[in-house]
C-alpha atoms as a PDB file:
ATOM      1  CA  UNK A   1      66.899 146.316  32.516  1.00  0.00           C
ATOM      2  CA  UNK A   2      69.543 144.206  30.527  1.00  0.00           C
ATOM      3  CA  UNK A   3      68.492 141.107  29.052  1.00  0.00           C
ATOM      4  CA  UNK A   4      70.094 138.114  30.357  1.00  0.00           C
ATOM      5  CA  UNK A   5      72.851 136.303  28.146  1.00  0.00           C
ATOM      6  CA  UNK A   6      71.620 133.095  26.527  1.00  0.00           C
ATOM      7  CA  UNK A   7      75.133 131.131  26.600  1.00  0.00           C
ATOM      8  CA  UNK A   8      73.652 127.920  24.714  1.00  0.00           C
ATOM      9  CA  UNK A   9      75.134 129.134  21.502  1.00  0.00           C
ATOM     10  CA  UNK A  10      78.918 128.499  23.044  1.00  0.00           C
ATOM     11  CA  UNK A  11      78.450 124.643  24.143  1.00  0.00           C
ATOM     12  CA  UNK A  12      74.778 123.841  24.208  1.00  0.00           C
ATOM     13  CA  UNK A  13      75.238 120.744  22.229  1.00  0.00           C
ATOM     14  CA  UNK A  14      78.160 119.603  24.617  1.00  0.00           C
ATOM     15  CA  UNK A  15      75.928 120.249  27.542  1.00  0.00           C
ATOM     16  CA  UNK A  16      72.937 118.553  26.357  1.00  0.00           C
ATOM     17  CA  UNK A  17      75.071 115.618  25.403  1.00  0.00           C
ATOM     18  CA  UNK A  18      76.336 115.334  29.048  1.00  0.00           C
ATOM     19  CA  UNK A  19      72.888 115.848  30.541  1.00  0.00           C
ATOM     20  CA  UNK A  20      71.600 113.092  28.234  1.00  0.00           C
ATOM     21  CA  UNK A  21      74.497 110.851  29.387  1.00  0.00           C
ATOM     22  CA  UNK A  22      73.382 111.539  32.927  1.00  0.00           C
ATOM     23  CA  UNK A  23      69.867 110.574  32.266  1.00  0.00           C
ATOM     24  CA  UNK A  24      70.791 107.188  30.749  1.00  0.00           C
ATOM     25  CA  UNK A  25      73.473 106.534  33.728  1.00  0.00           C
ATOM     26  CA  UNK A  26      72.680 104.077  36.723  1.00  0.00           C
ATOM     27  CA  UNK A  27      71.168 105.484  39.324  1.00  0.00           C
ATOM     28  CA  UNK A  28      73.889 104.814  41.670  1.00  0.00           C
ATOM     29  CA  UNK A  29      76.078 106.988  39.553  1.00  0.00           C
ATOM     30  CA  UNK A  30      73.901 109.869  39.473  1.00  0.00           C
ATOM     31  CA  UNK A  31      73.368 109.756  42.881  1.00  0.00           C
ATOM     32  CA  UNK A  32      77.352 109.551  43.605  1.00  0.00           C
ATOM     33  CA  UNK A  33      77.780 112.704  41.639  1.00  0.00           C
ATOM     34  CA  UNK A  34      74.857 114.757  42.906  1.00  0.00           C
ATOM     35  CA  UNK A  35      75.934 114.095  46.211  1.00  0.00           C
ATOM     36  CA  UNK A  36      79.649 115.283  45.285  1.00  0.00           C
ATOM     37  CA  UNK A  37      78.283 118.124  43.322  1.00  0.00           C
ATOM     38  CA  UNK A  38      76.111 119.368  46.408  1.00  0.00           C
ATOM     39  CA  UNK A  39      78.596 118.537  49.553  1.00  0.00           C
ATOM     40  CA  UNK A  40      82.063 118.188  47.743  1.00  0.00           C
ATOM     41  CA  UNK A  41      83.086 121.808  48.706  1.00  0.00           C
ATOM     42  CA  UNK A  42      83.200 120.691  52.484  1.00  0.00           C
ATOM     43  CA  UNK A  43      86.205 118.582  51.476  1.00  0.00           C
ATOM     44  CA  UNK A  44      88.328 121.689  50.900  1.00  0.00           C
ATOM     45  CA  UNK A  45      87.614 122.730  54.515  1.00  0.00           C
ATOM     46  CA  UNK A  46      88.902 119.777  55.739  1.00  0.00           C
ATOM     47  CA  UNK A  47      91.929 120.236  53.736  1.00  0.00           C
ATOM     48  CA  UNK A  48      92.774 123.526  54.702  1.00  0.00           C
ATOM     49  CA  UNK A  49      92.465 122.694  58.315  1.00  0.00           C
ATOM     50  CA  UNK A  50      94.959 119.749  57.850  1.00  0.00           C
ATOM     51  CA  UNK A  51      97.066 122.200  56.259  1.00  0.00           C
ATOM     52  CA  UNK A  52      97.247 124.706  58.770  1.00  0.00           C
ATOM     53  CA  UNK A  53      97.856 122.178  61.388  1.00  0.00           C
ATOM     54  CA  UNK A  54     100.564 120.749  59.552  1.00  0.00           C
ATOM     55  CA  UNK A  55     102.303 124.154  58.965  1.00  0.00           C
ATOM     56  CA  UNK A  56     102.178 124.870  62.651  1.00  0.00           C
ATOM     57  CA  UNK A  57     105.206 122.293  62.885  1.00  0.00           C
ATOM     58  CA  UNK A  58     106.962 124.192  60.337  1.00  0.00           C
ATOM     59  CA  UNK A  59     106.766 127.436  61.786  1.00  0.00           C
ATOM     60  CA  UNK A  60     104.489 130.782  62.285  1.00  0.00           C
ATOM     61  CA  UNK A  61     105.270 131.846  58.562  1.00  0.00           C
ATOM     62  CA  UNK A  62     103.719 128.601  57.197  1.00  0.00           C
ATOM     63  CA  UNK A  63     101.024 128.856  59.479  1.00  0.00           C
ATOM     64  CA  UNK A  64     100.068 132.218  58.572  1.00  0.00           C
ATOM     65  CA  UNK A  65     100.576 131.407  54.977  1.00  0.00           C
ATOM     66  CA  UNK A  66      97.826 128.246  55.543  1.00  0.00           C
ATOM     67  CA  UNK A  67      95.549 130.748  57.564  1.00  0.00           C
ATOM     68  CA  UNK A  68      95.510 132.849  54.292  1.00  0.00           C
ATOM     69  CA  UNK A  69      94.028 130.042  52.159  1.00  0.00           C
ATOM     70  CA  UNK A  70      90.492 130.399  53.271  1.00  0.00           C
ATOM     71  CA  UNK A  71      90.632 134.173  53.020  1.00  0.00           C
ATOM     72  CA  UNK A  72      91.658 134.058  49.424  1.00  0.00           C
ATOM     73  CA  UNK A  73      89.030 131.481  48.867  1.00  0.00           C
ATOM     74  CA  UNK A  74      86.330 133.992  50.054  1.00  0.00           C
ATOM     75  CA  UNK A  75      88.150 136.556  47.598  1.00  0.00           C
ATOM     76  CA  UNK A  76      87.921 134.169  44.429  1.00  0.00           C
ATOM     77  CA  UNK A  77      84.259 133.611  45.591  1.00  0.00           C
ATOM     78  CA  UNK A  78      83.649 137.247  45.523  1.00  0.00           C
ATOM     79  CA  UNK A  79      85.298 138.050  42.171  1.00  0.00           C
ATOM     80  CA  UNK A  80      83.192 135.064  40.608  1.00  0.00           C
ATOM     81  CA  UNK A  81      79.835 136.537  41.810  1.00  0.00           C
ATOM     82  CA  UNK A  82      80.818 140.084  40.909  1.00  0.00           C
ATOM     83  CA  UNK A  83      81.285 138.601  37.228  1.00  0.00           C
ATOM     84  CA  UNK A  84      78.127 136.900  37.390  1.00  0.00           C
ATOM     85  CA  UNK A  85      76.307 139.878  38.118  1.00  0.00           C
ATOM     86  CA  UNK A  86      78.111 141.703  35.086  1.00  0.00           C
ATOM     87  CA  UNK A  87      77.488 138.718  32.611  1.00  0.00           C
ATOM     88  CA  UNK A  88      74.055 137.812  33.417  1.00  0.00           C
ATOM     89  CA  UNK A  89      73.839 134.393  31.746  1.00  0.00           C
ATOM     90  CA  UNK A  90      70.666 132.235  32.126  1.00  0.00           C
ATOM     91  CA  UNK A  91      71.459 128.856  33.658  1.00  0.00           C
ATOM     92  CA  UNK A  92      71.314 126.139  30.688  1.00  0.00           C
ATOM     93  CA  UNK A  93      68.381 124.275  32.024  1.00  0.00           C
ATOM     94  CA  UNK A  94      66.462 127.548  31.514  1.00  0.00           C
ATOM     95  CA  UNK A  95      67.479 128.229  27.803  1.00  0.00           C
ATOM     96  CA  UNK A  96      67.495 124.431  26.679  1.00  0.00           C
ATOM     97  CA  UNK A  97      64.605 123.353  28.809  1.00  0.00           C
ATOM     98  CA  UNK A  98      66.172 119.923  29.650  1.00  0.00           C
ATOM     99  CA  UNK A  99      65.496 117.585  32.456  1.00  0.00           C
ATOM    100  CA  UNK A 100      68.584 117.771  34.687  1.00  0.00           C
ATOM    101  CA  UNK A 101      69.292 115.960  38.150  1.00  0.00           C
ATOM    102  CA  UNK A 102      69.602 118.938  40.144  1.00  0.00           C
ATOM    103  CA  UNK A 103      66.579 121.167  40.324  1.00  0.00           C
ATOM    104  CA  UNK A 104      66.685 124.185  37.870  1.00  0.00           C
ATOM    105  CA  UNK A 105      67.459 127.256  39.857  1.00  0.00           C
ATOM    106  CA  UNK A 106      65.111 130.444  39.612  1.00  0.00           C
ATOM    107  CA  UNK A 107      65.655 132.959  36.971  1.00  0.00           C
ATOM    108  CA  UNK A 108      68.118 135.441  38.142  1.00  0.00           C
ATOM    109  CA  UNK A 109      70.388 132.881  39.898  1.00  0.00           C
ATOM    110  CA  UNK A 110      73.111 133.358  36.827  1.00  0.00           C
ATOM    111  CA  UNK A 111      75.211 130.668  35.308  1.00  0.00           C
ATOM    112  CA  UNK A 112      78.520 132.386  34.367  1.00  0.00           C
ATOM    113  CA  UNK A 113      80.773 131.421  35.971  1.00  0.00           C
ATOM    114  CA  UNK A 114      80.462 128.573  38.081  1.00  0.00           C
ATOM    115  CA  UNK A 115      80.730 129.575  42.024  1.00  0.00           C
ATOM    116  CA  UNK A 116      81.580 125.767  42.675  1.00  0.00           C
ATOM    117  CA  UNK A 117      84.388 125.725  40.253  1.00  0.00           C
ATOM    118  CA  UNK A 118      85.806 129.146  41.315  1.00  0.00           C
ATOM    119  CA  UNK A 119      85.861 128.149  45.050  1.00  0.00           C
ATOM    120  CA  UNK A 120      87.515 124.931  44.437  1.00  0.00           C
ATOM    121  CA  UNK A 121      90.105 126.165  42.323  1.00  0.00           C
ATOM    122  CA  UNK A 122      91.114 128.750  44.280  1.00  0.00           C
ATOM    123  CA  UNK A 123      91.388 126.388  47.154  1.00  0.00           C
ATOM    124  CA  UNK A 124      93.279 123.840  45.016  1.00  0.00           C
ATOM    125  CA  UNK A 125      95.937 126.619  43.903  1.00  0.00           C
ATOM    126  CA  UNK A 126      96.003 128.498  47.261  1.00  0.00           C
ATOM    127  CA  UNK A 127      96.672 124.888  49.051  1.00  0.00           C
ATOM    128  CA  UNK A 128      99.654 124.432  46.485  1.00  0.00           C
ATOM    129  CA  UNK A 129     101.523 127.193  48.455  1.00  0.00           C
ATOM    130  CA  UNK A 130     100.804 125.386  51.904  1.00  0.00           C
ATOM    131  CA  UNK A 131     101.677 121.834  50.614  1.00  0.00           C
ATOM    132  CA  UNK A 132     102.425 120.111  47.249  1.00  0.00           C
ATOM    133  CA  UNK A 133     100.478 116.996  48.394  1.00  0.00           C
ATOM    134  CA  UNK A 134      97.558 118.744  49.743  1.00  0.00           C
ATOM    135  CA  UNK A 135      97.317 120.808  46.724  1.00  0.00           C
ATOM    136  CA  UNK A 136      97.305 117.512  44.599  1.00  0.00           C
ATOM    137  CA  UNK A 137      94.591 116.035  46.267  1.00  0.00           C
ATOM    138  CA  UNK A 138      92.755 119.525  46.079  1.00  0.00           C
ATOM    139  CA  UNK A 139      93.364 119.835  42.083  1.00  0.00           C
ATOM    140  CA  UNK A 140      91.789 116.790  41.472  1.00  0.00           C
ATOM    141  CA  UNK A 141      88.833 117.606  43.878  1.00  0.00           C
ATOM    142  CA  UNK A 142      88.363 120.775  41.812  1.00  0.00           C
ATOM    143  CA  UNK A 143      88.392 119.310  38.603  1.00  0.00           C
ATOM    144  CA  UNK A 144      85.757 116.518  39.830  1.00  0.00           C
ATOM    145  CA  UNK A 145      83.617 119.309  41.297  1.00  0.00           C
ATOM    146  CA  UNK A 146      83.586 121.121  38.110  1.00  0.00           C
ATOM    147  CA  UNK A 147      82.542 118.494  35.877  1.00  0.00           C
ATOM    148  CA  UNK A 148      79.897 117.273  38.216  1.00  0.00           C
ATOM    149  CA  UNK A 149      78.423 120.709  37.733  1.00  0.00           C
ATOM    150  CA  UNK A 150      77.825 120.110  34.236  1.00  0.00           C
ATOM    151  CA  UNK A 151      77.009 116.396  34.992  1.00  0.00           C
ATOM    152  CA  UNK A 152      73.720 117.548  37.332  1.00  0.00           C
ATOM    153  CA  UNK A 153      73.265 120.189  34.678  1.00  0.00           C
ATOM    154  CA  UNK A 154      73.420 123.369  36.763  1.00  0.00           C
ATOM    155  CA  UNK A 155      76.306 124.746  34.104  1.00  0.00           C
ATOM    156  CA  UNK A 156      77.546 124.911  30.702  1.00  0.00           C
ATOM    157  CA  UNK A 157      81.246 123.801  30.339  1.00  0.00           C
ATOM    158  CA  UNK A 158      82.321 127.227  29.525  1.00  0.00           C
ATOM    159  CA  UNK A 159      80.941 128.191  33.110  1.00  0.00           C
ATOM    160  CA  UNK A 160      83.084 126.035  34.787  1.00  0.00           C
ATOM    161  CA  UNK A 161      86.146 126.550  32.730  1.00  0.00           C
ATOM    162  CA  UNK A 162      85.722 130.237  33.340  1.00  0.00           C
ATOM    163  CA  UNK A 163      85.157 129.509  37.106  1.00  0.00           C
ATOM    164  CA  UNK A 164      88.280 127.499  37.300  1.00  0.00           C
ATOM    165  CA  UNK A 165      90.181 130.380  35.639  1.00  0.00           C
ATOM    166  CA  UNK A 166      88.935 132.989  38.031  1.00  0.00           C
ATOM    167  CA  UNK A 167      89.451 130.957  41.212  1.00  0.00           C
ATOM    168  CA  UNK A 168      93.280 129.812  40.016  1.00  0.00           C
ATOM    169  CA  UNK A 169      94.007 133.427  39.083  1.00  0.00           C
ATOM    170  CA  UNK A 170      93.022 134.810  42.157  1.00  0.00           C
ATOM    171  CA  UNK A 171      94.974 132.521  44.230  1.00  0.00           C
ATOM    172  CA  UNK A 172      97.844 133.092  41.806  1.00  0.00           C
ATOM    173  CA  UNK A 173      98.054 136.718  42.545  1.00  0.00           C
ATOM    174  CA  UNK A 174      96.913 136.617  46.310  1.00  0.00           C
ATOM    175  CA  UNK A 175      98.963 133.962  47.753  1.00  0.00           C
ATOM    176  CA  UNK A 176     102.291 135.589  47.135  1.00  0.00           C
ATOM    177  CA  UNK A 177     101.058 138.765  48.627  1.00  0.00           C
ATOM    178  CA  UNK A 178      99.866 136.816  51.623  1.00  0.00           C
ATOM    179  CA  UNK A 179     103.179 134.767  52.245  1.00  0.00           C
ATOM    180  CA  UNK A 180     105.273 137.818  51.698  1.00  0.00           C
ATOM    181  CA  UNK A 181     102.959 139.705  54.753  1.00  0.00           C
ATOM    182  CA  UNK A 182     103.164 136.247  56.654  1.00  0.00           C
ATOM    183  CA  UNK A 183     107.123 136.835  56.602  1.00  0.00           C
ATOM    184  CA  UNK A 184     106.559 140.228  58.126  1.00  0.00           C
ATOM    185  CA  UNK A 185     103.979 139.163  60.555  1.00  0.00           C
ATOM    186  CA  UNK A 186     105.027 136.036  61.918  1.00  0.00           C
ATOM    187  CA  UNK A 187     107.821 137.334  64.460  1.00  0.00           C
ATOM    188  CA  UNK A 188     105.126 139.867  65.960  1.00  0.00           C
ATOM    189  CA  UNK A 189     102.106 137.675  66.308  1.00  0.00           C
ATOM    190  CA  UNK A 190     104.367 134.988  67.853  1.00  0.00           C
ATOM    191  CA  UNK A 191     104.811 137.116  71.017  1.00  0.00           C
ATOM    192  CA  UNK A 192     101.192 137.492  71.502  1.00  0.00           C
ATOM    193  CA  UNK A 193      98.258 135.148  72.763  1.00  0.00           C
ATOM    194  CA  UNK A 194      98.079 134.255  69.017  1.00  0.00           C
ATOM    195  CA  UNK A 195     101.291 131.963  69.224  1.00  0.00           C
ATOM    196  CA  UNK A 196      99.324 128.630  69.841  1.00  0.00           C
ATOM    197  CA  UNK A 197      97.808 129.146  66.348  1.00  0.00           C
ATOM    198  CA  UNK A 198     100.802 129.769  64.660  1.00  0.00           C
ATOM    199  CA  UNK A 199     103.128 127.424  66.272  1.00  0.00           C
ATOM    200  CA  UNK A 200     102.902 123.564  67.592  1.00  0.00           C
ATOM    201  CA  UNK A 201     103.609 123.534  71.236  1.00  0.00           C
END
């Protein structure tokens, strides 16, 4: 079996500095960041729903583009998960033996790239194709989600940066294809029972 990769030599000192800062921070701040780190991805589901609902007033093509967003996010997650299995980087809490806000995952729960960062970035970039306003909100949320994963001790900084790159690139490659297919499908699908999903009454 291939040995796991130890990423502490890349930016372990930066990670340790952040974790120690979190340890010295007020409890309310740590609790807030921990809650956001754990549950923040739910916001992207809300933004996707708002994007789809608003797109129905624009037309079937816009609706199909909005409906493609969650599928693109799933693809981004899949690419990220495949890279995790390929790189096999130990979690920083295992390599550096530091106390963290989030419980240290079991060995084999790989660290690089960050799933949270990849999902958030894929959602943010994909939502920009639906609505600039929603995409802007999602982009800010994605950056803070990524930062929170370092704060709670789950990832090195390079893990979340890589996750953002993976998610963003996936969306940048997939969304133009999805939008092109939406143009081709819109006319046909509005003539079916799916019309209420695509066009507001």
